Amino acid sequence: MSPQQVSAQLNACGVPVDISQVHEWEVGEYGPTERELFALADVLWCRTKDLMNIDEPRTLVEHRLARQFTTAKLADSVAMDVVQYEQAEERNTWTGDGYQTAALLRLFNLTPFQLAKATERPGGSV
């Protein structure tokens, strides 16, 4: 698709984007917002992780974006306060209880070991 077509399709989906923004994304000058990223993946019929140029998600943020969840939607899906979830992403730590952890594992399709690896900090501590 041309930048003009991408812009037109995004606008038709209710995500206002002009051609110059599409050009900026293409050259890496700016990245799309979360809302734009999700809409762009839908318009281009591809996965968000492909647009993010990652093979496999490594962090809580990447796992969430790869599955097209907003922080509010994910927090609601795991029965967690949005602020608490946003802090988990910011710190890349998981402090959810058993129910929340089970829900997150199911939504992200992860094992407990994979969740521990996704929230690993430099130096190996979790």
N, C-alpha and C. Protein backbone atom coordinates (compact mmCIF):
# COMPACT_ATOMS: atom_id res chain seq x y z
N MET A 1 0.84 -1.18 0.00
CA MET A 1 0.00 0.00 0.00
C MET A 1 0.88 1.25 0.00
N SER A 2 0.42 2.24 -0.66
CA SER A 2 1.14 3.51 -0.66
C SER A 2 0.84 4.26 0.64
N PRO A 3 1.69 5.22 1.01
CA PRO A 3 1.41 6.02 2.20
C PRO A 3 0.03 6.69 2.13
N GLN A 4 -0.36 7.11 0.94
CA GLN A 4 -1.67 7.73 0.77
C GLN A 4 -2.79 6.74 1.08
N GLN A 5 -2.63 5.51 0.60
CA GLN A 5 -3.64 4.48 0.85
C GLN A 5 -3.69 4.10 2.34
N VAL A 6 -2.53 4.01 2.96
CA VAL A 6 -2.48 3.69 4.39
C VAL A 6 -3.18 4.78 5.18
N SER A 7 -2.85 6.02 4.87
CA SER A 7 -3.49 7.14 5.54
C SER A 7 -5.00 7.11 5.36
N ALA A 8 -5.44 6.88 4.14
CA ALA A 8 -6.87 6.85 3.85
C ALA A 8 -7.57 5.71 4.60
N GLN A 9 -6.94 4.56 4.63
CA GLN A 9 -7.53 3.41 5.33
C GLN A 9 -7.60 3.65 6.84
N LEU A 10 -6.55 4.23 7.40
CA LEU A 10 -6.56 4.53 8.84
C LEU A 10 -7.64 5.55 9.17
N ASN A 11 -7.76 6.57 8.33
CA ASN A 11 -8.80 7.58 8.53
C ASN A 11 -10.18 6.95 8.43
N ALA A 12 -10.36 6.02 7.50
CA ALA A 12 -11.65 5.33 7.36
C ALA A 12 -11.98 4.48 8.58
N CYS A 13 -10.93 4.04 9.28
CA CYS A 13 -11.12 3.26 10.50
C CYS A 13 -11.33 4.15 11.73
N GLY A 14 -11.32 5.45 11.52
CA GLY A 14 -11.52 6.37 12.64
C GLY A 14 -10.25 6.75 13.36
N VAL A 15 -9.10 6.47 12.75
CA VAL A 15 -7.81 6.83 13.33
C VAL A 15 -7.18 7.88 12.41
N PRO A 16 -7.33 9.16 12.78
CA PRO A 16 -6.84 10.22 11.90
C PRO A 16 -5.31 10.26 11.80
N VAL A 17 -4.83 10.03 10.59
CA VAL A 17 -3.40 10.02 10.31
C VAL A 17 -3.20 10.66 8.95
N ASP A 18 -2.24 11.59 8.86
CA ASP A 18 -1.98 12.17 7.54
C ASP A 18 -0.77 11.49 6.91
N ILE A 19 -0.61 11.75 5.65
CA ILE A 19 0.44 11.10 4.86
C ILE A 19 1.82 11.35 5.44
N SER A 20 2.06 12.55 5.96
CA SER A 20 3.38 12.87 6.50
C SER A 20 3.71 11.97 7.70
N GLN A 21 2.70 11.61 8.50
CA GLN A 21 2.95 10.71 9.62
C GLN A 21 3.37 9.33 9.13
N VAL A 22 2.71 8.85 8.09
CA VAL A 22 3.05 7.55 7.52
C VAL A 22 4.49 7.57 7.02
N HIS A 23 4.89 8.65 6.36
CA HIS A 23 6.27 8.79 5.89
C HIS A 23 7.24 8.77 7.08
N GLU A 24 6.90 9.45 8.15
CA GLU A 24 7.76 9.49 9.34
C GLU A 24 7.90 8.10 9.95
N TRP A 25 6.84 7.31 9.95
CA TRP A 25 6.92 5.93 10.45
C TRP A 25 7.84 5.11 9.56
N GLU A 26 7.70 5.29 8.25
CA GLU A 26 8.49 4.50 7.31
C GLU A 26 9.99 4.73 7.46
N VAL A 27 10.38 5.96 7.73
CA VAL A 27 11.80 6.26 7.86
C VAL A 27 12.30 6.13 9.30
N GLY A 28 11.41 5.82 10.21
CA GLY A 28 11.81 5.62 11.60
C GLY A 28 11.98 6.90 12.39
N GLU A 29 11.49 8.00 11.85
CA GLU A 29 11.60 9.27 12.55
C GLU A 29 10.71 9.30 13.79
N TYR A 30 9.53 8.75 13.65
CA TYR A 30 8.58 8.63 14.75
C TYR A 30 7.90 7.27 14.66
N GLY A 31 7.40 6.81 15.77
CA GLY A 31 6.62 5.59 15.77
C GLY A 31 5.16 5.91 15.98
N PRO A 32 4.29 5.02 15.55
CA PRO A 32 2.87 5.26 15.75
C PRO A 32 2.50 5.15 17.23
N THR A 33 1.43 5.82 17.60
CA THR A 33 0.91 5.66 18.96
C THR A 33 0.35 4.25 19.07
N GLU A 34 0.00 3.87 20.27
CA GLU A 34 -0.59 2.55 20.49
C GLU A 34 -1.84 2.36 19.62
N ARG A 35 -2.71 3.33 19.64
CA ARG A 35 -3.95 3.25 18.84
C ARG A 35 -3.63 3.15 17.35
N GLU A 36 -2.68 3.95 16.89
CA GLU A 36 -2.29 3.92 15.49
C GLU A 36 -1.64 2.58 15.12
N LEU A 37 -0.83 2.05 16.03
CA LEU A 37 -0.17 0.76 15.79
C LEU A 37 -1.20 -0.35 15.60
N PHE A 38 -2.20 -0.40 16.48
CA PHE A 38 -3.23 -1.43 16.39
C PHE A 38 -4.02 -1.29 15.08
N ALA A 39 -4.39 -0.07 14.74
CA ALA A 39 -5.14 0.17 13.50
C ALA A 39 -4.28 -0.15 12.28
N LEU A 40 -3.01 0.22 12.33
CA LEU A 40 -2.10 -0.05 11.21
C LEU A 40 -1.96 -1.55 10.98
N ALA A 41 -1.84 -2.32 12.03
CA ALA A 41 -1.75 -3.77 11.89
C ALA A 41 -3.02 -4.33 11.24
N ASP A 42 -4.16 -3.79 11.64
CA ASP A 42 -5.42 -4.25 11.05
C ASP A 42 -5.50 -3.88 9.57
N VAL A 43 -5.13 -2.64 9.24
CA VAL A 43 -5.19 -2.17 7.86
C VAL A 43 -4.23 -2.95 6.96
N LEU A 44 -3.05 -3.25 7.48
CA LEU A 44 -2.03 -3.95 6.68
C LEU A 44 -2.16 -5.48 6.78
N TRP A 45 -3.10 -5.94 7.57
CA TRP A 45 -3.31 -7.38 7.77
C TRP A 45 -2.03 -8.07 8.22
N CYS A 46 -1.43 -7.49 9.25
CA CYS A 46 -0.22 -8.08 9.79
C CYS A 46 -0.26 -8.03 11.32
N ARG A 47 0.72 -8.62 11.95
CA ARG A 47 0.78 -8.63 13.41
C ARG A 47 1.51 -7.39 13.90
N THR A 48 1.11 -6.91 15.07
CA THR A 48 1.78 -5.73 15.62
C THR A 48 3.25 -6.01 15.87
N LYS A 49 3.58 -7.23 16.26
CA LYS A 49 4.99 -7.53 16.52
C LYS A 49 5.83 -7.42 15.24
N ASP A 50 5.21 -7.66 14.08
CA ASP A 50 5.93 -7.45 12.82
C ASP A 50 6.20 -5.97 12.60
N LEU A 51 5.21 -5.14 12.91
CA LEU A 51 5.40 -3.70 12.79
C LEU A 51 6.41 -3.18 13.80
N MET A 52 6.47 -3.83 14.97
CA MET A 52 7.43 -3.44 16.01
C MET A 52 8.82 -3.99 15.71
N ASN A 53 8.90 -4.83 14.67
CA ASN A 53 10.17 -5.44 14.24
C ASN A 53 10.81 -6.28 15.34
N ILE A 54 9.98 -7.12 15.97
CA ILE A 54 10.50 -8.05 16.97
C ILE A 54 10.09 -9.47 16.59
N ASP A 55 10.96 -10.43 16.86
CA ASP A 55 10.62 -11.83 16.60
C ASP A 55 9.65 -12.34 17.66
N GLU A 56 10.02 -12.13 18.90
CA GLU A 56 9.19 -12.56 20.02
C GLU A 56 9.16 -11.46 21.06
N PRO A 57 8.00 -11.21 21.65
CA PRO A 57 7.93 -10.20 22.71
C PRO A 57 8.84 -10.57 23.87
N ARG A 58 9.48 -9.56 24.45
CA ARG A 58 10.43 -9.80 25.55
C ARG A 58 9.97 -9.19 26.87
N THR A 59 9.13 -8.18 26.83
CA THR A 59 8.73 -7.47 28.04
C THR A 59 7.21 -7.50 28.16
N LEU A 60 6.71 -7.07 29.30
CA LEU A 60 5.26 -6.97 29.47
C LEU A 60 4.65 -6.06 28.41
N VAL A 61 5.28 -4.93 28.15
CA VAL A 61 4.77 -3.99 27.15
C VAL A 61 4.69 -4.66 25.78
N GLU A 62 5.77 -5.32 25.38
CA GLU A 62 5.79 -5.96 24.06
C GLU A 62 4.75 -7.07 23.97
N HIS A 63 4.58 -7.84 25.03
CA HIS A 63 3.55 -8.90 25.02
C HIS A 63 2.17 -8.28 24.86
N ARG A 64 1.90 -7.20 25.59
CA ARG A 64 0.60 -6.55 25.51
C ARG A 64 0.35 -5.97 24.12
N LEU A 65 1.33 -5.25 23.60
CA LEU A 65 1.17 -4.65 22.27
C LEU A 65 1.04 -5.70 21.18
N ALA A 66 1.78 -6.79 21.32
CA ALA A 66 1.72 -7.86 20.32
C ALA A 66 0.32 -8.47 20.24
N ARG A 67 -0.43 -8.36 21.33
CA ARG A 67 -1.78 -8.92 21.37
C ARG A 67 -2.87 -7.84 21.27
N GLN A 68 -2.45 -6.64 20.96
CA GLN A 68 -3.34 -5.49 20.74
C GLN A 68 -4.26 -5.20 21.92
N PHE A 69 -3.69 -5.22 23.11
CA PHE A 69 -4.41 -4.81 24.31
C PHE A 69 -3.98 -3.41 24.71
N THR A 70 -4.93 -2.55 25.05
CA THR A 70 -4.58 -1.29 25.71
C THR A 70 -4.29 -1.64 27.17
N THR A 71 -3.65 -0.75 27.89
CA THR A 71 -3.40 -1.03 29.31
C THR A 71 -4.72 -1.18 30.06
N ALA A 72 -5.70 -0.35 29.72
CA ALA A 72 -7.00 -0.43 30.41
C ALA A 72 -7.69 -1.77 30.13
N LYS A 73 -7.66 -2.21 28.89
CA LYS A 73 -8.32 -3.47 28.54
C LYS A 73 -7.62 -4.65 29.22
N LEU A 74 -6.29 -4.63 29.23
CA LEU A 74 -5.58 -5.74 29.85
C LEU A 74 -5.80 -5.75 31.35
N ALA A 75 -5.69 -4.58 31.98
CA ALA A 75 -5.91 -4.50 33.42
C ALA A 75 -7.30 -5.03 33.77
N ASP A 76 -8.30 -4.63 33.00
CA ASP A 76 -9.66 -5.12 33.24
C ASP A 76 -9.74 -6.63 33.04
N SER A 77 -9.06 -7.14 32.04
CA SER A 77 -9.10 -8.58 31.73
C SER A 77 -8.46 -9.43 32.81
N VAL A 78 -7.53 -8.86 33.55
CA VAL A 78 -6.89 -9.62 34.64
C VAL A 78 -7.37 -9.15 36.01
N ALA A 79 -8.43 -8.32 36.02
CA ALA A 79 -9.02 -7.81 37.27
C ALA A 79 -8.00 -7.08 38.13
N MET A 80 -7.29 -6.16 37.49
CA MET A 80 -6.26 -5.38 38.18
C MET A 80 -6.53 -3.90 37.95
N ASP A 81 -6.20 -3.10 38.92
CA ASP A 81 -6.30 -1.65 38.78
C ASP A 81 -5.37 -1.20 37.65
N VAL A 82 -5.84 -0.28 36.81
CA VAL A 82 -5.04 0.18 35.67
C VAL A 82 -3.71 0.76 36.12
N VAL A 83 -3.72 1.56 37.16
CA VAL A 83 -2.48 2.17 37.64
C VAL A 83 -1.50 1.09 38.10
N GLN A 84 -2.00 0.08 38.79
CA GLN A 84 -1.13 -1.02 39.24
C GLN A 84 -0.52 -1.74 38.03
N TYR A 85 -1.34 -1.99 37.00
CA TYR A 85 -0.80 -2.65 35.81
C TYR A 85 0.22 -1.77 35.11
N GLU A 86 -0.08 -0.48 34.97
CA GLU A 86 0.87 0.42 34.31
C GLU A 86 2.19 0.48 35.06
N GLN A 87 2.14 0.41 36.39
CA GLN A 87 3.37 0.38 37.19
C GLN A 87 4.13 -0.92 36.93
N ALA A 88 3.41 -2.01 36.77
CA ALA A 88 4.07 -3.29 36.46
C ALA A 88 4.82 -3.19 35.14
N GLU A 89 4.20 -2.57 34.14
CA GLU A 89 4.88 -2.39 32.85
C GLU A 89 6.07 -1.45 32.97
N GLU A 90 5.86 -0.36 33.69
CA GLU A 90 6.92 0.63 33.84
C GLU A 90 8.15 0.02 34.51
N ARG A 91 7.92 -0.81 35.51
CA ARG A 91 9.01 -1.45 36.25
C ARG A 91 9.40 -2.80 35.65
N ASN A 92 8.59 -3.28 34.72
CA ASN A 92 8.74 -4.61 34.14
C ASN A 92 8.83 -5.68 35.22
N THR A 93 7.89 -5.59 36.14
CA THR A 93 7.77 -6.59 37.21
C THR A 93 6.31 -7.03 37.26
N TRP A 94 6.06 -8.20 37.80
CA TRP A 94 4.69 -8.66 37.92
C TRP A 94 4.38 -8.89 39.39
N THR A 95 3.34 -8.20 39.87
CA THR A 95 2.96 -8.30 41.28
C THR A 95 1.53 -8.79 41.44
N GLY A 96 0.97 -9.35 40.40
CA GLY A 96 -0.41 -9.81 40.46
C GLY A 96 -0.57 -11.01 41.39
N ASP A 97 -1.79 -11.18 41.89
CA ASP A 97 -2.09 -12.33 42.73
C ASP A 97 -2.25 -13.57 41.85
N GLY A 98 -2.62 -14.68 42.44
CA GLY A 98 -2.74 -15.94 41.70
C GLY A 98 -3.75 -15.87 40.57
N TYR A 99 -4.92 -15.29 40.83
CA TYR A 99 -5.95 -15.16 39.80
C TYR A 99 -5.45 -14.28 38.66
N GLN A 100 -4.87 -13.15 39.01
CA GLN A 100 -4.38 -12.21 38.00
C GLN A 100 -3.25 -12.82 37.18
N THR A 101 -2.39 -13.56 37.85
CA THR A 101 -1.28 -14.20 37.15
C THR A 101 -1.81 -15.26 36.18
N ALA A 102 -2.75 -16.07 36.63
CA ALA A 102 -3.33 -17.09 35.76
C ALA A 102 -4.00 -16.44 34.54
N ALA A 103 -4.70 -15.34 34.76
CA ALA A 103 -5.36 -14.64 33.66
C ALA A 103 -4.33 -14.08 32.69
N LEU A 104 -3.27 -13.48 33.21
CA LEU A 104 -2.23 -12.92 32.35
C LEU A 104 -1.54 -14.02 31.54
N LEU A 105 -1.23 -15.13 32.18
CA LEU A 105 -0.60 -16.25 31.47
C LEU A 105 -1.49 -16.73 30.32
N ARG A 106 -2.78 -16.82 30.58
CA ARG A 106 -3.72 -17.27 29.57
C ARG A 106 -3.80 -16.24 28.42
N LEU A 107 -3.92 -14.96 28.74
CA LEU A 107 -4.03 -13.93 27.71
C LEU A 107 -2.77 -13.81 26.85
N PHE A 108 -1.62 -13.94 27.50
CA PHE A 108 -0.35 -13.83 26.79
C PHE A 108 0.13 -15.18 26.23
N ASN A 109 -0.60 -16.26 26.59
CA ASN A 109 -0.20 -17.60 26.18
C ASN A 109 1.23 -17.93 26.61
N LEU A 110 1.48 -17.69 27.89
CA LEU A 110 2.81 -17.91 28.46
C LEU A 110 2.78 -18.97 29.55
N THR A 111 3.92 -19.56 29.80
CA THR A 111 4.10 -20.42 30.97
C THR A 111 4.61 -19.53 32.10
N PRO A 112 4.54 -20.00 33.35
CA PRO A 112 5.11 -19.20 34.44
C PRO A 112 6.60 -18.88 34.20
N PHE A 113 7.34 -19.83 33.66
CA PHE A 113 8.76 -19.59 33.37
C PHE A 113 8.92 -18.46 32.35
N GLN A 114 8.09 -18.45 31.31
CA GLN A 114 8.18 -17.40 30.30
C GLN A 114 7.82 -16.04 30.88
N LEU A 115 6.85 -16.00 31.80
CA LEU A 115 6.52 -14.74 32.46
C LEU A 115 7.70 -14.26 33.30
N ALA A 116 8.32 -15.18 34.02
CA ALA A 116 9.49 -14.80 34.82
C ALA A 116 10.60 -14.25 33.93
N LYS A 117 10.80 -14.88 32.79
CA LYS A 117 11.82 -14.40 31.85
C LYS A 117 11.45 -13.03 31.29
N ALA A 118 10.16 -12.81 31.01
CA ALA A 118 9.71 -11.52 30.46
C ALA A 118 9.86 -10.39 31.46
N THR A 119 9.87 -10.71 32.74
CA THR A 119 9.98 -9.67 33.76
C THR A 119 11.36 -9.68 34.42
N GLU A 120 12.29 -10.35 33.79
CA GLU A 120 13.66 -10.40 34.29
C GLU A 120 14.32 -9.04 34.16
N ARG A 121 15.06 -8.70 35.16
CA ARG A 121 15.80 -7.44 35.11
C ARG A 121 17.25 -7.73 34.74
N PRO A 122 17.94 -6.72 34.21
CA PRO A 122 19.37 -6.93 33.93
C PRO A 122 20.07 -7.42 35.18
N GLY A 123 20.89 -8.42 35.02
CA GLY A 123 21.59 -9.00 36.15
C GLY A 123 20.94 -10.29 36.62
N GLY A 124 19.76 -10.62 36.02
CA GLY A 124 19.15 -11.90 36.29
C GLY A 124 18.16 -11.98 37.41
N SER A 125 17.93 -10.91 38.20
CA SER A 125 16.95 -11.00 39.28
C SER A 125 15.56 -10.73 38.74
N VAL A 126 14.58 -11.37 39.37
CA VAL A 126 13.18 -11.19 38.93
C VAL A 126 12.44 -10.43 39.98
